[in-house]
Amino acid sequence: MLEILRNNADGESMQRSIDGMSVPHKTGATDSVRTECALFRLQSRVVACGFTKQNADIRWVVDNEAQIALGKVGALVVAAWPKAEAAK
């Protein structure tokens, strides 16, 4: 299951500003809704889910307001938890 989620090609939400980290995730969307649940492999595994509804910005573009907000959530998750120590 994690392999399938890791290969999700939709990188426009929580992982949009995260470099060098594989983030298995599942997205969902309708015109006024954007959702994503993602597994961040930090020092501990962190699962974060973001859900928006009744979005005023209903455009189907990369910089949709809700997708940008979810991207900020992902960046905050990575900033809040320590990264895993490198194997020696």
PDB file of N, CA and C in Angstrom:
ATOM      1  N   MET A   1       0.823  -1.185   0.000  1.00  0.00           N
ATOM      2  CA  MET A   1       0.000   0.000   0.000  1.00  0.00           C
ATOM      3  C   MET A   1       0.873   1.258   0.000  1.00  0.00           C
ATOM      4  N   LEU A   2       1.923   1.258   0.838  1.00  0.00           N
ATOM      5  CA  LEU A   2       2.797   2.433   0.890  1.00  0.00           C
ATOM      6  C   LEU A   2       3.479   2.688  -0.455  1.00  0.00           C
ATOM      7  N   GLU A   3       3.820   1.632  -1.168  1.00  0.00           N
ATOM      8  CA  GLU A   3       4.438   1.793  -2.490  1.00  0.00           C
ATOM      9  C   GLU A   3       3.479   2.484  -3.456  1.00  0.00           C
ATOM     10  N   ILE A   4       2.216   2.106  -3.409  1.00  0.00           N
ATOM     11  CA  ILE A   4       1.215   2.749  -4.265  1.00  0.00           C
ATOM     12  C   ILE A   4       1.082   4.224  -3.889  1.00  0.00           C
ATOM     13  N   LEU A   5       0.997   4.521  -2.594  1.00  0.00           N
ATOM     14  CA  LEU A   5       0.865   5.912  -2.150  1.00  0.00           C
ATOM     15  C   LEU A   5       2.118   6.725  -2.453  1.00  0.00           C
ATOM     16  N   ARG A   6       3.288   6.091  -2.415  1.00  0.00           N
ATOM     17  CA  ARG A   6       4.551   6.771  -2.708  1.00  0.00           C
ATOM     18  C   ARG A   6       4.615   7.191  -4.180  1.00  0.00           C
ATOM     19  N   ASN A   7       3.955   6.427  -5.041  1.00  0.00           N
ATOM     20  CA  ASN A   7       3.989   6.707  -6.479  1.00  0.00           C
ATOM     21  C   ASN A   7       2.866   7.628  -6.944  1.00  0.00           C
ATOM     22  N   ASN A   8       2.139   8.226  -6.020  1.00  0.00           N
ATOM     23  CA  ASN A   8       1.113   9.202  -6.376  1.00  0.00           C
ATOM     24  C   ASN A   8       1.804  10.385  -7.062  1.00  0.00           C
ATOM     25  N   ALA A   9       1.440  10.635  -8.289  1.00  0.00           N
ATOM     26  CA  ALA A   9       2.109  11.674  -9.077  1.00  0.00           C
ATOM     27  C   ALA A   9       1.616  13.084  -8.761  1.00  0.00           C
ATOM     28  N   ASP A  10       0.577  13.218  -7.961  1.00  0.00           N
ATOM     29  CA  ASP A  10       0.034  14.532  -7.612  1.00  0.00           C
ATOM     30  C   ASP A  10       0.880  15.141  -6.495  1.00  0.00           C
ATOM     31  N   GLY A  11       1.783  16.031  -6.852  1.00  0.00           N
ATOM     32  CA  GLY A  11       2.675  16.651  -5.875  1.00  0.00           C
ATOM     33  C   GLY A  11       2.359  18.113  -5.623  1.00  0.00           C
ATOM     34  N   GLU A  12       1.100  18.496  -5.728  1.00  0.00           N
ATOM     35  CA  GLU A  12       0.732  19.914  -5.686  1.00  0.00           C
ATOM     36  C   GLU A  12       0.192  20.382  -4.346  1.00  0.00           C
ATOM     37  N   SER A  13       0.181  19.507  -3.327  1.00  0.00           N
ATOM     38  CA  SER A  13      -0.403  19.917  -2.049  1.00  0.00           C
ATOM     39  C   SER A  13       0.646  19.905  -0.941  1.00  0.00           C
ATOM     40  N   MET A  14       0.512  19.040   0.059  1.00  0.00           N
ATOM     41  CA  MET A  14       1.382  19.095   1.239  1.00  0.00           C
ATOM     42  C   MET A  14       2.863  18.951   0.927  1.00  0.00           C
ATOM     43  N   GLN A  15       3.217  18.187  -0.076  1.00  0.00           N
ATOM     44  CA  GLN A  15       4.623  17.958  -0.372  1.00  0.00           C
ATOM     45  C   GLN A  15       5.171  18.907  -1.438  1.00  0.00           C
ATOM     46  N   ARG A  16       4.427  19.911  -1.801  1.00  0.00           N
ATOM     47  CA  ARG A  16       4.836  20.793  -2.893  1.00  0.00           C
ATOM     48  C   ARG A  16       6.129  21.564  -2.613  1.00  0.00           C
ATOM     49  N   SER A  17       6.452  21.826  -1.350  1.00  0.00           N
ATOM     50  CA  SER A  17       7.675  22.586  -1.052  1.00  0.00           C
ATOM     51  C   SER A  17       8.699  21.751  -0.294  1.00  0.00           C
ATOM     52  N   ILE A  18       8.547  20.429  -0.296  1.00  0.00           N
ATOM     53  CA  ILE A  18       9.457  19.549   0.435  1.00  0.00           C
ATOM     54  C   ILE A  18      10.373  18.857  -0.568  1.00  0.00           C
ATOM     55  N   ASP A  19      11.661  19.064  -0.411  1.00  0.00           N
ATOM     56  CA  ASP A  19      12.639  18.455  -1.307  1.00  0.00           C
ATOM     57  C   ASP A  19      13.358  17.312  -0.609  1.00  0.00           C
ATOM     58  N   GLY A  20      13.667  16.280  -1.363  1.00  0.00           N
ATOM     59  CA  GLY A  20      14.494  15.204  -0.851  1.00  0.00           C
ATOM     60  C   GLY A  20      13.810  14.258   0.117  1.00  0.00           C
ATOM     61  N   MET A  21      12.501  14.262   0.182  1.00  0.00           N
ATOM     62  CA  MET A  21      11.791  13.371   1.093  1.00  0.00           C
ATOM     63  C   MET A  21      10.628  12.723   0.337  1.00  0.00           C
ATOM     64  N   SER A  22      10.583  11.406   0.376  1.00  0.00           N
ATOM     65  CA  SER A  22       9.458  10.695  -0.200  1.00  0.00           C
ATOM     66  C   SER A  22       8.282  10.822   0.763  1.00  0.00           C
ATOM     67  N   VAL A  23       7.152  11.284   0.256  1.00  0.00           N
ATOM     68  CA  VAL A  23       5.973  11.493   1.098  1.00  0.00           C
ATOM     69  C   VAL A  23       4.803  10.705   0.504  1.00  0.00           C
ATOM     70  N   PRO A  24       4.613   9.456   0.950  1.00  0.00           N
ATOM     71  CA  PRO A  24       3.435   8.724   0.485  1.00  0.00           C
ATOM     72  C   PRO A  24       2.171   9.501   0.863  1.00  0.00           C
ATOM     73  N   HIS A  25       1.257   9.639  -0.086  1.00  0.00           N
ATOM     74  CA  HIS A  25       0.083  10.461   0.193  1.00  0.00           C
ATOM     75  C   HIS A  25      -1.086  10.081  -0.699  1.00  0.00           C
ATOM     76  N   LYS A  26      -2.260  10.534  -0.288  1.00  0.00           N
ATOM     77  CA  LYS A  26      -3.484  10.358  -1.065  1.00  0.00           C
ATOM     78  C   LYS A  26      -4.212  11.683  -1.096  1.00  0.00           C
ATOM     79  N   THR A  27      -4.533  12.122  -2.285  1.00  0.00           N
ATOM     80  CA  THR A  27      -5.243  13.381  -2.467  1.00  0.00           C
ATOM     81  C   THR A  27      -6.685  13.125  -2.888  1.00  0.00           C
ATOM     82  N   GLY A  28      -7.477  14.157  -2.801  1.00  0.00           N
ATOM     83  CA  GLY A  28      -8.848  14.117  -3.284  1.00  0.00           C
ATOM     84  C   GLY A  28      -9.306  15.525  -3.573  1.00  0.00           C
ATOM     85  N   ALA A  29     -10.219  15.684  -4.518  1.00  0.00           N
ATOM     86  CA  ALA A  29     -10.650  17.038  -4.858  1.00  0.00           C
ATOM     87  C   ALA A  29     -11.991  17.014  -5.584  1.00  0.00           C
ATOM     88  N   THR A  30     -12.750  18.069  -5.344  1.00  0.00           N
ATOM     89  CA  THR A  30     -13.911  18.428  -6.156  1.00  0.00           C
ATOM     90  C   THR A  30     -13.739  19.921  -6.424  1.00  0.00           C
ATOM     91  N   ASP A  31     -14.677  20.546  -7.078  1.00  0.00           N
ATOM     92  CA  ASP A  31     -14.520  21.971  -7.380  1.00  0.00           C
ATOM     93  C   ASP A  31     -14.219  22.806  -6.143  1.00  0.00           C
ATOM     94  N   SER A  32     -14.934  22.570  -5.034  1.00  0.00           N
ATOM     95  CA  SER A  32     -14.770  23.434  -3.857  1.00  0.00           C
ATOM     96  C   SER A  32     -14.122  22.721  -2.671  1.00  0.00           C
ATOM     97  N   VAL A  33     -13.508  21.565  -2.911  1.00  0.00           N
ATOM     98  CA  VAL A  33     -12.887  20.788  -1.841  1.00  0.00           C
ATOM     99  C   VAL A  33     -11.505  20.327  -2.288  1.00  0.00           C
ATOM    100  N   ARG A  34     -10.540  20.391  -1.377  1.00  0.00           N
ATOM    101  CA  ARG A  34      -9.215  19.796  -1.586  1.00  0.00           C
ATOM    102  C   ARG A  34      -8.861  19.042  -0.319  1.00  0.00           C
ATOM    103  N   THR A  35      -8.346  17.824  -0.464  1.00  0.00           N
ATOM    104  CA  THR A  35      -7.959  17.026   0.697  1.00  0.00           C
ATOM    105  C   THR A  35      -6.642  16.315   0.418  1.00  0.00           C
ATOM    106  N   GLU A  36      -5.944  15.988   1.485  1.00  0.00           N
ATOM    107  CA  GLU A  36      -4.752  15.157   1.365  1.00  0.00           C
ATOM    108  C   GLU A  36      -4.401  14.595   2.731  1.00  0.00           C
ATOM    109  N   CYS A  37      -4.007  13.335   2.743  1.00  0.00           N
ATOM    110  CA  CYS A  37      -3.393  12.705   3.911  1.00  0.00           C
ATOM    111  C   CYS A  37      -2.016  12.251   3.477  1.00  0.00           C
ATOM    112  N   ALA A  38      -1.017  12.529   4.297  1.00  0.00           N
ATOM    113  CA  ALA A  38       0.364  12.236   3.925  1.00  0.00           C
ATOM    114  C   ALA A  38       1.130  11.648   5.097  1.00  0.00           C
ATOM    115  N   LEU A  39       2.084  10.778   4.775  1.00  0.00           N
ATOM    116  CA  LEU A  39       2.951  10.162   5.778  1.00  0.00           C
ATOM    117  C   LEU A  39       4.335  10.778   5.643  1.00  0.00           C
ATOM    118  N   PHE A  40       4.722  11.547   6.651  1.00  0.00           N
ATOM    119  CA  PHE A  40       6.041  12.180   6.676  1.00  0.00           C
ATOM    120  C   PHE A  40       6.962  11.299   7.514  1.00  0.00           C
ATOM    121  N   ARG A  41       8.036  10.813   6.921  1.00  0.00           N
ATOM    122  CA  ARG A  41       8.983   9.950   7.636  1.00  0.00           C
ATOM    123  C   ARG A  41      10.068  10.823   8.248  1.00  0.00           C
ATOM    124  N   LEU A  42       9.750  11.338   9.399  1.00  0.00           N
ATOM    125  CA  LEU A  42      10.672  12.188  10.134  1.00  0.00           C
ATOM    126  C   LEU A  42      11.289  11.336  11.247  1.00  0.00           C
ATOM    127  N   GLN A  43      11.709  11.923  12.366  1.00  0.00           N
ATOM    128  CA  GLN A  43      12.282  11.120  13.443  1.00  0.00           C
ATOM    129  C   GLN A  43      11.274  10.082  13.918  1.00  0.00           C
ATOM    130  N   SER A  44      10.022  10.457  13.938  1.00  0.00           N
ATOM    131  CA  SER A  44       8.935   9.503  14.105  1.00  0.00           C
ATOM    132  C   SER A  44       8.041   9.684  12.880  1.00  0.00           C
ATOM    133  N   ARG A  45       7.239   8.699  12.606  1.00  0.00           N
ATOM    134  CA  ARG A  45       6.333   8.842  11.461  1.00  0.00           C
ATOM    135  C   ARG A  45       5.192   9.773  11.848  1.00  0.00           C
ATOM    136  N   VAL A  46       4.959  10.749  11.025  1.00  0.00           N
ATOM    137  CA  VAL A  46       3.915  11.729  11.277  1.00  0.00           C
ATOM    138  C   VAL A  46       2.896  11.637  10.149  1.00  0.00           C
ATOM    139  N   VAL A  47       1.648  11.410  10.508  1.00  0.00           N
ATOM    140  CA  VAL A  47       0.574  11.407   9.525  1.00  0.00           C
ATOM    141  C   VAL A  47      -0.171  12.727   9.675  1.00  0.00           C
ATOM    142  N   ALA A  48      -0.280  13.441   8.589  1.00  0.00           N
ATOM    143  CA  ALA A  48      -0.999  14.715   8.608  1.00  0.00           C
ATOM    144  C   ALA A  48      -2.097  14.663   7.545  1.00  0.00           C
ATOM    145  N   CYS A  49      -3.263  15.134   7.907  1.00  0.00           N
ATOM    146  CA  CYS A  49      -4.379  15.199   6.965  1.00  0.00           C
ATOM    147  C   CYS A  49      -4.896  16.631   6.932  1.00  0.00           C
ATOM    148  N   GLY A  50      -5.153  17.111   5.751  1.00  0.00           N
ATOM    149  CA  GLY A  50      -5.721  18.443   5.593  1.00  0.00           C
ATOM    150  C   GLY A  50      -6.966  18.367   4.729  1.00  0.00           C
ATOM    151  N   PHE A  51      -7.995  19.058   5.156  1.00  0.00           N
ATOM    152  CA  PHE A  51      -9.261  19.051   4.441  1.00  0.00           C
ATOM    153  C   PHE A  51      -9.762  20.494   4.320  1.00  0.00           C
ATOM    154  N   THR A  52     -10.121  20.899   3.132  1.00  0.00           N
ATOM    155  CA  THR A  52     -10.740  22.207   2.949  1.00  0.00           C
ATOM    156  C   THR A  52     -12.121  21.985   2.322  1.00  0.00           C
ATOM    157  N   LYS A  53     -13.030  22.916   2.556  1.00  0.00           N
ATOM    158  CA  LYS A  53     -14.348  22.804   1.932  1.00  0.00           C
ATOM    159  C   LYS A  53     -14.882  24.200   1.675  1.00  0.00           C
ATOM    160  N   GLN A  54     -15.834  24.272   0.816  1.00  0.00           N
ATOM    161  CA  GLN A  54     -16.451  25.533   0.425  1.00  0.00           C
ATOM    162  C   GLN A  54     -15.401  26.572   0.024  1.00  0.00           C
ATOM    163  N   ASN A  55     -14.406  26.125  -0.737  1.00  0.00           N
ATOM    164  CA  ASN A  55     -13.352  27.039  -1.187  1.00  0.00           C
ATOM    165  C   ASN A  55     -13.913  28.062  -2.169  1.00  0.00           C
ATOM    166  N   ALA A  56     -13.514  29.302  -1.978  1.00  0.00           N
ATOM    167  CA  ALA A  56     -13.906  30.345  -2.919  1.00  0.00           C
ATOM    168  C   ALA A  56     -13.155  30.168  -4.243  1.00  0.00           C
ATOM    169  N   ASP A  57     -11.899  29.731  -4.150  1.00  0.00           N
ATOM    170  CA  ASP A  57     -11.071  29.503  -5.340  1.00  0.00           C
ATOM    171  C   ASP A  57     -11.335  28.076  -5.824  1.00  0.00           C
ATOM    172  N   ILE A  58     -12.138  27.934  -6.854  1.00  0.00           N
ATOM    173  CA  ILE A  58     -12.486  26.607  -7.361  1.00  0.00           C
ATOM    174  C   ILE A  58     -11.752  26.286  -8.670  1.00  0.00           C
ATOM    175  N   ARG A  59     -10.709  27.043  -8.970  1.00  0.00           N
ATOM    176  CA  ARG A  59      -9.944  26.798 -10.198  1.00  0.00           C
ATOM    177  C   ARG A  59      -9.195  25.475 -10.107  1.00  0.00           C
ATOM    178  N   TRP A  60      -9.011  24.822 -11.240  1.00  0.00           N
ATOM    179  CA  TRP A  60      -8.235  23.586 -11.330  1.00  0.00           C
ATOM    180  C   TRP A  60      -6.844  23.941 -11.858  1.00  0.00           C
ATOM    181  N   VAL A  61      -6.083  24.632 -11.009  1.00  0.00           N
ATOM    182  CA  VAL A  61      -4.719  25.046 -11.358  1.00  0.00           C
ATOM    183  C   VAL A  61      -3.789  24.681 -10.203  1.00  0.00           C
ATOM    184  N   VAL A  62      -2.498  24.633 -10.481  1.00  0.00           N
ATOM    185  CA  VAL A  62      -1.500  24.266  -9.468  1.00  0.00           C
ATOM    186  C   VAL A  62      -1.537  25.229  -8.279  1.00  0.00           C
ATOM    187  N   ASP A  63      -1.741  26.495  -8.534  1.00  0.00           N
ATOM    188  CA  ASP A  63      -1.709  27.487  -7.471  1.00  0.00           C
ATOM    189  C   ASP A  63      -3.090  27.818  -6.924  1.00  0.00           C
ATOM    190  N   ASN A  64      -3.975  26.836  -6.918  1.00  0.00           N
ATOM    191  CA  ASN A  64      -5.272  26.996  -6.265  1.00  0.00           C
ATOM    192  C   ASN A  64      -5.018  27.356  -4.798  1.00  0.00           C
ATOM    193  N   GLU A  65      -5.799  28.270  -4.262  1.00  0.00           N
ATOM    194  CA  GLU A  65      -5.589  28.765  -2.897  1.00  0.00           C
ATOM    195  C   GLU A  65      -5.553  27.633  -1.854  1.00  0.00           C
ATOM    196  N   ALA A  66      -6.430  26.653  -1.991  1.00  0.00           N
ATOM    197  CA  ALA A  66      -6.469  25.543  -1.026  1.00  0.00           C
ATOM    198  C   ALA A  66      -5.213  24.684  -1.125  1.00  0.00           C
ATOM    199  N   GLN A  67      -4.720  24.456  -2.326  1.00  0.00           N
ATOM    200  CA  GLN A  67      -3.508  23.654  -2.497  1.00  0.00           C
ATOM    201  C   GLN A  67      -2.292  24.371  -1.923  1.00  0.00           C
ATOM    202  N   ILE A  68      -2.235  25.671  -2.072  1.00  0.00           N
ATOM    203  CA  ILE A  68      -1.149  26.447  -1.466  1.00  0.00           C
ATOM    204  C   ILE A  68      -1.227  26.344   0.052  1.00  0.00           C
ATOM    205  N   ALA A  69      -2.436  26.435   0.605  1.00  0.00           N
ATOM    206  CA  ALA A  69      -2.601  26.308   2.063  1.00  0.00           C
ATOM    207  C   ALA A  69      -2.164  24.929   2.546  1.00  0.00           C
ATOM    208  N   LEU A  70      -2.527  23.874   1.817  1.00  0.00           N
ATOM    209  CA  LEU A  70      -2.092  22.526   2.193  1.00  0.00           C
ATOM    210  C   LEU A  70      -0.573  22.405   2.097  1.00  0.00           C
ATOM    211  N   GLY A  71       0.031  23.067   1.116  1.00  0.00           N
ATOM    212  CA  GLY A  71       1.492  23.073   1.006  1.00  0.00           C
ATOM    213  C   GLY A  71       2.145  23.713   2.219  1.00  0.00           C
ATOM    214  N   LYS A  72       1.540  24.766   2.740  1.00  0.00           N
ATOM    215  CA  LYS A  72       2.067  25.412   3.951  1.00  0.00           C
ATOM    216  C   LYS A  72       1.947  24.483   5.152  1.00  0.00           C
ATOM    217  N   VAL A  73       0.864  23.716   5.220  1.00  0.00           N
ATOM    218  CA  VAL A  73       0.707  22.739   6.305  1.00  0.00           C
ATOM    219  C   VAL A  73       1.838  21.712   6.237  1.00  0.00           C
ATOM    220  N   GLY A  74       2.124  21.197   5.062  1.00  0.00           N
ATOM    221  CA  GLY A  74       3.209  20.232   4.904  1.00  0.00           C
ATOM    222  C   GLY A  74       4.547  20.799   5.325  1.00  0.00           C
ATOM    223  N   ALA A  75       4.847  22.023   4.937  1.00  0.00           N
ATOM    224  CA  ALA A  75       6.105  22.668   5.326  1.00  0.00           C
ATOM    225  C   ALA A  75       6.176  22.854   6.836  1.00  0.00           C
ATOM    226  N   LEU A  76       5.062  23.197   7.457  1.00  0.00           N
ATOM    227  CA  LEU A  76       5.037  23.365   8.917  1.00  0.00           C
ATOM    228  C   LEU A  76       5.247  22.036   9.639  1.00  0.00           C
ATOM    229  N   VAL A  77       4.694  20.957   9.102  1.00  0.00           N
ATOM    230  CA  VAL A  77       4.899  19.636   9.705  1.00  0.00           C
ATOM    231  C   VAL A  77       6.387  19.292   9.690  1.00  0.00           C
ATOM    232  N   VAL A  78       7.028  19.464   8.557  1.00  0.00           N
ATOM    233  CA  VAL A  78       8.450  19.145   8.439  1.00  0.00           C
ATOM    234  C   VAL A  78       9.286  20.039   9.350  1.00  0.00           C
ATOM    235  N   ALA A  79       8.921  21.296   9.491  1.00  0.00           N
ATOM    236  CA  ALA A  79       9.673  22.217  10.354  1.00  0.00           C
ATOM    237  C   ALA A  79       9.464  21.900  11.835  1.00  0.00           C
ATOM    238  N   ALA A  80       8.307  21.344  12.197  1.00  0.00           N
ATOM    239  CA  ALA A  80       7.975  21.124  13.604  1.00  0.00           C
ATOM    240  C   ALA A  80       8.590  19.853  14.188  1.00  0.00           C
ATOM    241  N   TRP A  81       8.815  18.838  13.357  1.00  0.00           N
ATOM    242  CA  TRP A  81       9.366  17.573  13.858  1.00  0.00           C
ATOM    243  C   TRP A  81      10.804  17.417  13.402  1.00  0.00           C
ATOM    244  N   PRO A  82      11.659  16.866  14.285  1.00  0.00           N
ATOM    245  CA  PRO A  82      13.041  16.625  13.878  1.00  0.00           C
ATOM    246  C   PRO A  82      13.097  15.572  12.782  1.00  0.00           C
ATOM    247  N   LYS A  83      14.085  15.703  11.929  1.00  0.00           N
ATOM    248  CA  LYS A  83      14.286  14.710  10.877  1.00  0.00           C
ATOM    249  C   LYS A  83      14.940  13.470  11.475  1.00  0.00           C
ATOM    250  N   ALA A  84      14.769  12.358  10.810  1.00  0.00           N
ATOM    251  CA  ALA A  84      15.382  11.114  11.262  1.00  0.00           C
ATOM    252  C   ALA A  84      16.908  11.242  11.173  1.00  0.00           C
ATOM    253  N   GLU A  85      17.591  10.638  12.138  1.00  0.00           N
ATOM    254  CA  GLU A  85      19.053  10.636  12.103  1.00  0.00           C
ATOM    255  C   GLU A  85      19.525   9.747  10.969  1.00  0.00           C
ATOM    256  N   ALA A  86      20.594  10.139  10.317  1.00  0.00           N
ATOM    257  CA  ALA A  86      21.156   9.355   9.230  1.00  0.00           C
ATOM    258  C   ALA A  86      21.746   8.061   9.790  1.00  0.00           C
ATOM    259  N   ALA A  87      21.565   6.970   9.075  1.00  0.00           N
ATOM    260  CA  ALA A  87      22.133   5.684   9.500  1.00  0.00           C
ATOM    261  C   ALA A  87      23.649   5.747   9.404  1.00  0.00           C
ATOM    262  N   LYS A  88      24.310   5.146  10.399  1.00  0.00           N
ATOM    263  CA  LYS A  88      25.786   5.150  10.407  1.00  0.00           C
ATOM    264  C   LYS A  88      26.326   3.837   9.949  1.00  0.00           C
TER     265      LYS A  88
END
